[in-house]
Amino acid sequence: MCTMIAKQIKIAGSGKAADSWFKVAEANVSYDHPYEVPLEHALNIDFVNEAQGPGARVAVELDVASARRLVQTILDVLKQAETGGHLDEADRAEGR
């Protein structure tokens, strides 16, 4: 059964698909049926630039344990960068 759990957020960055890099403007995050990974449900993340069409997409499907480790690792790396004084003032002020 589909969970229908999905959110889209605006982001700023770059992604690499096939042969070239493209600007990513949105991330679609869902917990639902994956396309490739052999699980009933997975955390699915699509980094996209909808204005550039379907080729401007990087997709990731993760099991729950991997998704949680990824979130914690991102937070740990950002905390280390902040502690080391490597974040710009605007990034620190916004908690990015």
Protein backbone atom coordinates (compact mmCIF):
# COMPACT_ATOMS: atom_id res chain seq x y z
CA MET A 1 0.00 0.00 0.00
CA CYS A 2 1.29 3.49 -0.85
CA THR A 3 2.02 5.70 2.13
CA MET A 4 1.49 9.01 0.29
CA ILE A 5 4.15 10.53 2.59
CA ALA A 6 6.02 13.14 0.55
CA LYS A 7 7.40 16.64 0.91
CA GLN A 8 9.18 19.02 -1.43
CA ILE A 9 11.64 21.67 -0.29
CA LYS A 10 13.52 24.41 -2.10
CA ILE A 11 17.29 23.95 -2.02
CA ALA A 12 20.36 25.48 -3.67
CA GLY A 13 23.17 23.31 -4.95
CA SER A 14 24.39 21.17 -7.82
CA GLY A 15 23.93 17.56 -8.84
CA LYS A 16 25.63 15.32 -11.38
CA ALA A 17 23.56 13.21 -13.72
CA ALA A 18 24.99 10.98 -16.45
CA ASP A 19 27.45 13.32 -18.18
CA SER A 20 27.00 16.77 -16.69
CA TRP A 21 26.36 18.88 -13.64
CA PHE A 22 23.13 20.85 -13.19
CA LYS A 23 21.72 23.26 -10.63
CA VAL A 24 19.36 21.59 -8.14
CA ALA A 25 16.47 23.73 -6.96
CA GLU A 26 14.22 21.25 -5.17
CA ALA A 27 14.45 18.08 -3.15
CA ASN A 28 11.54 15.67 -3.11
CA VAL A 29 11.61 13.44 -0.03
CA SER A 30 9.20 10.55 0.41
CA TYR A 31 8.73 7.36 2.35
CA ASP A 32 7.05 5.06 -0.11
CA HIS A 33 7.64 2.26 -2.60
CA PRO A 34 11.11 2.46 -4.15
CA TYR A 35 11.78 1.88 -7.82
CA GLU A 36 15.04 -0.10 -7.59
CA VAL A 37 16.00 -1.12 -4.04
CA PRO A 38 14.30 -4.43 -3.10
CA LEU A 39 12.24 -3.15 -0.14
CA GLU A 40 8.53 -2.67 0.39
CA HIS A 41 9.16 0.97 1.43
CA ALA A 42 12.23 3.20 1.45
CA LEU A 43 13.24 6.79 2.07
CA ASN A 44 13.41 8.25 -1.43
CA ILE A 45 15.20 11.51 -2.20
CA ASP A 46 15.11 13.17 -5.61
CA PHE A 47 17.34 16.19 -6.14
CA VAL A 48 15.80 18.00 -9.10
CA ASN A 49 15.57 21.13 -11.17
CA GLU A 50 12.04 20.94 -12.54
CA ALA A 51 12.69 23.86 -14.90
CA GLN A 52 15.30 21.75 -16.74
CA GLY A 53 13.07 18.71 -17.24
CA PRO A 54 13.35 15.05 -16.24
CA GLY A 55 17.06 14.74 -17.08
CA ALA A 56 17.97 17.15 -14.25
CA ARG A 57 17.43 14.59 -11.49
CA VAL A 58 19.51 12.57 -9.07
CA ALA A 59 17.54 9.90 -7.21
CA VAL A 60 18.52 8.00 -4.06
CA GLU A 61 16.61 5.20 -2.31
CA LEU A 62 17.70 4.27 1.22
CA ASP A 63 16.63 1.77 3.83
CA VAL A 64 15.55 3.35 7.11
CA ALA A 65 18.78 2.61 9.01
CA SER A 66 20.89 4.12 6.23
CA ALA A 67 18.66 7.21 6.05
CA ARG A 68 19.00 7.79 9.80
CA ARG A 69 22.81 7.36 9.62
CA LEU A 70 22.96 9.81 6.72
CA VAL A 71 20.93 12.44 8.60
CA GLN A 72 23.10 12.07 11.71
CA THR A 73 26.31 12.20 9.67
CA ILE A 74 25.20 15.39 7.91
CA LEU A 75 24.42 16.99 11.27
CA ASP A 76 27.75 15.83 12.72
CA VAL A 77 29.75 17.23 9.78
CA LEU A 78 27.93 20.59 9.93
CA LYS A 79 28.49 20.78 13.70
CA GLN A 80 32.20 20.10 13.20
CA ALA A 81 32.37 22.78 10.48
CA GLU A 82 30.58 25.24 12.77
CA THR A 83 32.81 24.44 15.74
CA GLY A 84 35.88 24.84 13.53
CA GLY A 85 34.71 28.26 12.37
CA HIS A 86 34.25 27.16 8.77
CA LEU A 87 30.61 28.23 8.30
CA ASP A 88 29.82 31.66 6.90
CA GLU A 89 28.11 34.03 9.33
CA ALA A 90 24.84 33.82 7.37
CA ASP A 91 24.90 30.01 7.58
CA ARG A 92 25.43 30.13 11.35
CA ALA A 93 22.66 32.70 11.84
CA GLU A 94 20.12 30.62 9.93
CA GLY A 95 21.20 27.34 11.46
CA ARG A 96 22.07 25.93 8.05
